């Protein structure tokens, strides 16, 4: 963080803590549209499903990089 910038968690506490921002920062999984196979099959998006995607801002997200 540069000088004068506040970390996101601290900013959420000072910005009246909107529920969506609080959920995002706490690591609630994000909905992700899983439609790649539908695209290949040329089917309509209405058949797509949503899968939970681990939030990169949550505590459970892996922080280590394996090389």
PDB file of N, CA and C in Angstrom:
ATOM      1  N   UNK A   1       0.837  -1.182   0.000  1.00  0.00           N
ATOM      2  CA  UNK A   1       0.000   0.000   0.000  1.00  0.00           C
ATOM      3  C   UNK A   1       0.883   1.246   0.000  1.00  0.00           C
ATOM      4  N   UNK A   2       0.501   2.212  -0.766  1.00  0.00           N
ATOM      5  CA  UNK A   2       1.223   3.468  -0.793  1.00  0.00           C
ATOM      6  C   UNK A   2       0.875   4.318   0.410  1.00  0.00           C
ATOM      7  N   UNK A   3       1.621   5.393   0.613  1.00  0.00           N
ATOM      8  CA  UNK A   3       1.335   6.262   1.752  1.00  0.00           C
ATOM      9  C   UNK A   3      -0.047   6.891   1.593  1.00  0.00           C
ATOM     10  N   UNK A   4      -0.795   6.894   2.669  1.00  0.00           N
ATOM     11  CA  UNK A   4      -2.116   7.513   2.665  1.00  0.00           C
ATOM     12  C   UNK A   4      -3.231   6.592   2.187  1.00  0.00           C
ATOM     13  N   UNK A   5      -2.888   5.402   1.685  1.00  0.00           N
ATOM     14  CA  UNK A   5      -3.916   4.461   1.252  1.00  0.00           C
ATOM     15  C   UNK A   5      -4.266   3.530   2.403  1.00  0.00           C
ATOM     16  N   UNK A   6      -5.548   3.261   2.540  1.00  0.00           N
ATOM     17  CA  UNK A   6      -5.988   2.372   3.608  1.00  0.00           C
ATOM     18  C   UNK A   6      -6.223   0.969   3.050  1.00  0.00           C
ATOM     19  N   UNK A   7      -5.900  -0.069   3.820  1.00  0.00           N
ATOM     20  CA  UNK A   7      -6.181  -1.427   3.365  1.00  0.00           C
ATOM     21  C   UNK A   7      -7.685  -1.631   3.204  1.00  0.00           C
ATOM     22  N   UNK A   8      -8.128  -2.533   2.296  1.00  0.00           N
ATOM     23  CA  UNK A   8      -9.557  -2.715   2.029  1.00  0.00           C
ATOM     24  C   UNK A   8     -10.390  -3.042   3.263  1.00  0.00           C
ATOM     25  N   UNK A   9      -9.886  -3.874   4.162  1.00  0.00           N
ATOM     26  CA  UNK A   9     -10.676  -4.234   5.358  1.00  0.00           C
ATOM     27  C   UNK A   9     -10.927  -3.010   6.234  1.00  0.00           C
ATOM     28  N   UNK A  10      -9.929  -2.173   6.360  1.00  0.00           N
ATOM     29  CA  UNK A  10     -10.074  -0.969   7.162  1.00  0.00           C
ATOM     30  C   UNK A  10     -11.039   0.005   6.496  1.00  0.00           C
ATOM     31  N   UNK A  11     -10.983   0.100   5.186  1.00  0.00           N
ATOM     32  CA  UNK A  11     -11.878   0.963   4.444  1.00  0.00           C
ATOM     33  C   UNK A  11     -13.325   0.526   4.638  1.00  0.00           C
ATOM     34  N   UNK A  12     -13.583  -0.776   4.638  1.00  0.00           N
ATOM     35  CA  UNK A  12     -14.944  -1.286   4.826  1.00  0.00           C
ATOM     36  C   UNK A  12     -15.486  -0.891   6.193  1.00  0.00           C
ATOM     37  N   UNK A  13     -14.636  -0.910   7.191  1.00  0.00           N
ATOM     38  CA  UNK A  13     -15.097  -0.538   8.533  1.00  0.00           C
ATOM     39  C   UNK A  13     -15.481   0.932   8.601  1.00  0.00           C
ATOM     40  N   UNK A  14     -14.821   1.755   7.826  1.00  0.00           N
ATOM     41  CA  UNK A  14     -15.072   3.190   7.901  1.00  0.00           C
ATOM     42  C   UNK A  14     -16.113   3.668   6.906  1.00  0.00           C
ATOM     43  N   UNK A  15     -16.569   2.811   5.993  1.00  0.00           N
ATOM     44  CA  UNK A  15     -17.529   3.214   4.965  1.00  0.00           C
ATOM     45  C   UNK A  15     -18.925   2.648   5.260  1.00  0.00           C
ATOM     46  N   UNK A  16     -19.314   2.620   6.504  1.00  0.00           N
ATOM     47  CA  UNK A  16     -20.632   2.162   6.942  1.00  0.00           C
ATOM     48  C   UNK A  16     -20.859   0.676   6.667  1.00  0.00           C
ATOM     49  N   UNK A  17     -19.843  -0.041   6.292  1.00  0.00           N
ATOM     50  CA  UNK A  17     -19.874  -1.484   6.100  1.00  0.00           C
ATOM     51  C   UNK A  17     -21.054  -1.974   5.270  1.00  0.00           C
ATOM     52  N   UNK A  18     -21.092  -1.649   3.972  1.00  0.00           N
ATOM     53  CA  UNK A  18     -22.158  -2.192   3.130  1.00  0.00           C
ATOM     54  C   UNK A  18     -22.113  -3.725   3.149  1.00  0.00           C
ATOM     55  N   UNK A  19     -23.265  -4.401   3.185  1.00  0.00           N
ATOM     56  CA  UNK A  19     -23.283  -5.861   3.313  1.00  0.00           C
ATOM     57  C   UNK A  19     -22.520  -6.599   2.214  1.00  0.00           C
ATOM     58  N   UNK A  20     -22.630  -6.161   0.975  1.00  0.00           N
ATOM     59  CA  UNK A  20     -21.931  -6.864  -0.104  1.00  0.00           C
ATOM     60  C   UNK A  20     -20.419  -6.735   0.024  1.00  0.00           C
ATOM     61  N   UNK A  21     -19.962  -5.565   0.395  1.00  0.00           N
ATOM     62  CA  UNK A  21     -18.527  -5.370   0.577  1.00  0.00           C
ATOM     63  C   UNK A  21     -18.035  -6.181   1.765  1.00  0.00           C
ATOM     64  N   UNK A  22     -18.792  -6.189   2.847  1.00  0.00           N
ATOM     65  CA  UNK A  22     -18.424  -6.961   4.037  1.00  0.00           C
ATOM     66  C   UNK A  22     -18.346  -8.452   3.687  1.00  0.00           C
ATOM     67  N   UNK A  23     -19.310  -8.953   2.902  1.00  0.00           N
ATOM     68  CA  UNK A  23     -19.299 -10.363   2.498  1.00  0.00           C
ATOM     69  C   UNK A  23     -18.090 -10.664   1.614  1.00  0.00           C
ATOM     70  N   UNK A  24     -17.796  -9.770   0.678  1.00  0.00           N
ATOM     71  CA  UNK A  24     -16.655  -9.960  -0.223  1.00  0.00           C
ATOM     72  C   UNK A  24     -15.352 -10.037   0.562  1.00  0.00           C
ATOM     73  N   UNK A  25     -15.182  -9.140   1.512  1.00  0.00           N
ATOM     74  CA  UNK A  25     -13.940  -9.103   2.288  1.00  0.00           C
ATOM     75  C   UNK A  25     -13.846 -10.251   3.287  1.00  0.00           C
ATOM     76  N   UNK A  26     -14.980 -10.833   3.660  1.00  0.00           N
ATOM     77  CA  UNK A  26     -14.935 -11.943   4.611  1.00  0.00           C
ATOM     78  C   UNK A  26     -14.682 -13.278   3.919  1.00  0.00           C
ATOM     79  N   UNK A  27     -14.723 -13.291   2.578  1.00  0.00           N
ATOM     80  CA  UNK A  27     -14.389 -14.506   1.854  1.00  0.00           C
ATOM     81  C   UNK A  27     -15.571 -15.324   1.385  1.00  0.00           C
ATOM     82  N   UNK A  28     -16.773 -14.749   1.376  1.00  0.00           N
ATOM     83  CA  UNK A  28     -17.944 -15.463   0.869  1.00  0.00           C
ATOM     84  C   UNK A  28     -17.670 -15.840  -0.590  1.00  0.00           C
ATOM     85  N   UNK A  29     -17.938 -17.107  -0.973  1.00  0.00           N
ATOM     86  CA  UNK A  29     -17.684 -17.505  -2.366  1.00  0.00           C
ATOM     87  C   UNK A  29     -18.470 -16.645  -3.358  1.00  0.00           C
ATOM     88  N   UNK A  30     -17.858 -16.370  -4.495  1.00  0.00           N
ATOM     89  CA  UNK A  30     -18.487 -15.561  -5.533  1.00  0.00           C
ATOM     90  C   UNK A  30     -19.164 -16.472  -6.549  1.00  0.00           C
ATOM     91  N   UNK A  31     -20.338 -16.095  -7.064  1.00  0.00           N
ATOM     92  CA  UNK A  31     -20.965 -16.914  -8.088  1.00  0.00           C
ATOM     93  C   UNK A  31     -20.243 -16.731  -9.426  1.00  0.00           C
ATOM     94  N   UNK A  32     -19.928 -17.823 -10.078  1.00  0.00           N
ATOM     95  CA  UNK A  32     -19.253 -17.776 -11.373  1.00  0.00           C
ATOM     96  C   UNK A  32     -20.069 -18.569 -12.385  1.00  0.00           C
ATOM     97  N   UNK A  33     -20.311 -17.978 -13.522  1.00  0.00           N
ATOM     98  CA  UNK A  33     -21.089 -18.642 -14.562  1.00  0.00           C
ATOM     99  C   UNK A  33     -20.207 -19.675 -15.268  1.00  0.00           C
ATOM    100  N   UNK A  34     -20.663 -20.919 -15.258  1.00  0.00           N
ATOM    101  CA  UNK A  34     -19.907 -22.011 -15.876  1.00  0.00           C
ATOM    102  C   UNK A  34     -20.552 -22.359 -17.209  1.00  0.00           C
ATOM    103  N   UNK A  35     -20.161 -21.628 -18.240  1.00  0.00           N
ATOM    104  CA  UNK A  35     -20.821 -21.839 -19.527  1.00  0.00           C
ATOM    105  C   UNK A  35     -19.856 -22.181 -20.671  1.00  0.00           C
ATOM    106  N   UNK A  36     -18.646 -22.572 -20.365  1.00  0.00           N
ATOM    107  CA  UNK A  36     -17.691 -22.880 -21.426  1.00  0.00           C
ATOM    108  C   UNK A  36     -18.173 -24.046 -22.301  1.00  0.00           C
ATOM    109  N   UNK A  37     -18.641 -25.121 -21.669  1.00  0.00           N
ATOM    110  CA  UNK A  37     -19.127 -26.266 -22.446  1.00  0.00           C
ATOM    111  C   UNK A  37     -20.363 -25.899 -23.253  1.00  0.00           C
ATOM    112  N   UNK A  38     -21.194 -25.006 -22.705  1.00  0.00           N
ATOM    113  CA  UNK A  38     -22.364 -24.548 -23.464  1.00  0.00           C
ATOM    114  C   UNK A  38     -21.930 -23.797 -24.719  1.00  0.00           C
ATOM    115  N   UNK A  39     -20.892 -23.006 -24.597  1.00  0.00           N
ATOM    116  CA  UNK A  39     -20.389 -22.262 -25.766  1.00  0.00           C
ATOM    117  C   UNK A  39     -19.916 -23.216 -26.852  1.00  0.00           C
ATOM    118  N   UNK A  40     -19.174 -24.241 -26.436  1.00  0.00           N
ATOM    119  CA  UNK A  40     -18.693 -25.206 -27.415  1.00  0.00           C
ATOM    120  C   UNK A  40     -19.848 -25.953 -28.089  1.00  0.00           C
ATOM    121  N   UNK A  41     -20.891 -26.250 -27.294  1.00  0.00           N
ATOM    122  CA  UNK A  41     -22.041 -26.981 -27.830  1.00  0.00           C
ATOM    123  C   UNK A  41     -23.041 -26.044 -28.524  1.00  0.00           C
ATOM    124  N   UNK A  42     -22.768 -24.741 -28.470  1.00  0.00           N
ATOM    125  CA  UNK A  42     -23.639 -23.727 -29.073  1.00  0.00           C
ATOM    126  C   UNK A  42     -25.059 -23.773 -28.521  1.00  0.00           C
ATOM    127  N   UNK A  43     -25.152 -23.926 -27.201  1.00  0.00           N
ATOM    128  CA  UNK A  43     -26.447 -23.934 -26.514  1.00  0.00           C
ATOM    129  C   UNK A  43     -26.690 -22.567 -25.892  1.00  0.00           C
ATOM    130  N   UNK A  44     -27.933 -22.315 -25.531  1.00  0.00           N
ATOM    131  CA  UNK A  44     -28.328 -21.028 -24.947  1.00  0.00           C
ATOM    132  C   UNK A  44     -27.767 -20.863 -23.534  1.00  0.00           C
ATOM    133  N   UNK A  45     -27.472 -19.619 -23.176  1.00  0.00           N
ATOM    134  CA  UNK A  45     -26.950 -19.313 -21.838  1.00  0.00           C
ATOM    135  C   UNK A  45     -27.933 -19.670 -20.730  1.00  0.00           C
ATOM    136  N   UNK A  46     -29.192 -19.737 -21.025  1.00  0.00           N
ATOM    137  CA  UNK A  46     -30.180 -20.023 -19.977  1.00  0.00           C
ATOM    138  C   UNK A  46     -29.960 -21.415 -19.373  1.00  0.00           C
ATOM    139  N   UNK A  47     -29.185 -22.262 -20.033  1.00  0.00           N
ATOM    140  CA  UNK A  47     -28.874 -23.597 -19.516  1.00  0.00           C
ATOM    141  C   UNK A  47     -27.618 -23.595 -18.647  1.00  0.00           C
ATOM    142  N   UNK A  48     -26.966 -22.458 -18.548  1.00  0.00           N
ATOM    143  CA  UNK A  48     -25.730 -22.366 -17.763  1.00  0.00           C
ATOM    144  C   UNK A  48     -26.029 -22.493 -16.276  1.00  0.00           C
ATOM    145  N   UNK A  49     -25.053 -22.994 -15.556  1.00  0.00           N
ATOM    146  CA  UNK A  49     -25.171 -23.077 -14.104  1.00  0.00           C
ATOM    147  C   UNK A  49     -24.158 -22.115 -13.484  1.00  0.00           C
ATOM    148  N   UNK A  50     -24.352 -21.806 -12.226  1.00  0.00           N
ATOM    149  CA  UNK A  50     -23.416 -20.983 -11.477  1.00  0.00           C
ATOM    150  C   UNK A  50     -22.750 -21.858 -10.430  1.00  0.00           C
ATOM    151  N   UNK A  51     -21.451 -21.711 -10.315  1.00  0.00           N
ATOM    152  CA  UNK A  51     -20.681 -22.478  -9.341  1.00  0.00           C
ATOM    153  C   UNK A  51     -20.005 -21.511  -8.376  1.00  0.00           C
ATOM    154  N   UNK A  52     -19.803 -21.934  -7.124  1.00  0.00           N
ATOM    155  CA  UNK A  52     -19.126 -21.053  -6.169  1.00  0.00           C
ATOM    156  C   UNK A  52     -17.630 -20.965  -6.477  1.00  0.00           C
ATOM    157  N   UNK A  53     -17.111 -19.767  -6.481  1.00  0.00           N
ATOM    158  CA  UNK A  53     -15.697 -19.516  -6.731  1.00  0.00           C
ATOM    159  C   UNK A  53     -15.092 -18.917  -5.465  1.00  0.00           C
ATOM    160  N   UNK A  54     -14.039 -19.511  -4.967  1.00  0.00           N
ATOM    161  CA  UNK A  54     -13.394 -19.015  -3.752  1.00  0.00           C
ATOM    162  C   UNK A  54     -12.947 -17.571  -3.947  1.00  0.00           C
ATOM    163  N   UNK A  55     -13.298 -16.731  -3.018  1.00  0.00           N
ATOM    164  CA  UNK A  55     -12.933 -15.319  -3.099  1.00  0.00           C
ATOM    165  C   UNK A  55     -11.439 -15.135  -2.848  1.00  0.00           C
ATOM    166  N   UNK A  56     -10.748 -14.406  -3.720  1.00  0.00           N
ATOM    167  CA  UNK A  56      -9.321 -14.167  -3.489  1.00  0.00           C
ATOM    168  C   UNK A  56      -9.065 -13.224  -2.315  1.00  0.00           C
ATOM    169  N   UNK A  57     -10.118 -12.608  -1.788  1.00  0.00           N
ATOM    170  CA  UNK A  57      -9.957 -11.702  -0.657  1.00  0.00           C
ATOM    171  C   UNK A  57     -10.195 -12.399   0.676  1.00  0.00           C
ATOM    172  N   UNK A  58     -10.673 -13.638   0.637  1.00  0.00           N
ATOM    173  CA  UNK A  58     -10.971 -14.367   1.862  1.00  0.00           C
ATOM    174  C   UNK A  58      -9.744 -14.978   2.490  1.00  0.00           C
ATOM    175  N   UNK A  59      -9.878 -15.368   3.719  1.00  0.00           N
ATOM    176  CA  UNK A  59      -8.754 -15.944   4.463  1.00  0.00           C
ATOM    177  C   UNK A  59      -8.400 -17.345   3.980  1.00  0.00           C
ATOM    178  N   UNK A  60      -9.367 -18.069   3.373  1.00  0.00           N
ATOM    179  CA  UNK A  60      -9.116 -19.435   2.941  1.00  0.00           C
ATOM    180  C   UNK A  60      -8.423 -19.520   1.579  1.00  0.00           C
ATOM    181  N   UNK A  61      -8.267 -18.413   0.904  1.00  0.00           N
ATOM    182  CA  UNK A  61      -7.642 -18.431  -0.424  1.00  0.00           C
ATOM    183  C   UNK A  61      -6.154 -18.722  -0.274  1.00  0.00           C
ATOM    184  N   UNK A  62      -5.621 -19.660  -1.075  1.00  0.00           N
ATOM    185  CA  UNK A  62      -4.178 -19.979  -0.961  1.00  0.00           C
ATOM    186  C   UNK A  62      -3.308 -18.754  -1.308  1.00  0.00           C
ATOM    187  N   UNK A  63      -2.357 -18.465  -0.476  1.00  0.00           N
ATOM    188  CA  UNK A  63      -1.468 -17.316  -0.678  1.00  0.00           C
ATOM    189  C   UNK A  63      -0.106 -17.719  -1.226  1.00  0.00           C
ATOM    190  N   UNK A  64       0.221 -18.996  -1.150  1.00  0.00           N
ATOM    191  CA  UNK A  64       1.542 -19.451  -1.584  1.00  0.00           C
ATOM    192  C   UNK A  64       1.540 -19.760  -3.073  1.00  0.00           C
ATOM    193  N   UNK A  65       2.647 -19.498  -3.700  1.00  0.00           N
ATOM    194  CA  UNK A  65       2.816 -19.816  -5.113  1.00  0.00           C
ATOM    195  C   UNK A  65       3.792 -20.977  -5.203  1.00  0.00           C
ATOM    196  N   UNK A  66       3.363 -22.030  -5.893  1.00  0.00           N
ATOM    197  CA  UNK A  66       4.230 -23.204  -6.050  1.00  0.00           C
ATOM    198  C   UNK A  66       4.944 -23.073  -7.390  1.00  0.00           C
ATOM    199  N   UNK A  67       6.256 -23.185  -7.371  1.00  0.00           N
ATOM    200  CA  UNK A  67       7.033 -23.056  -8.613  1.00  0.00           C
ATOM    201  C   UNK A  67       7.703 -24.345  -8.943  1.00  0.00           C
TER     202      UNK A  67
END
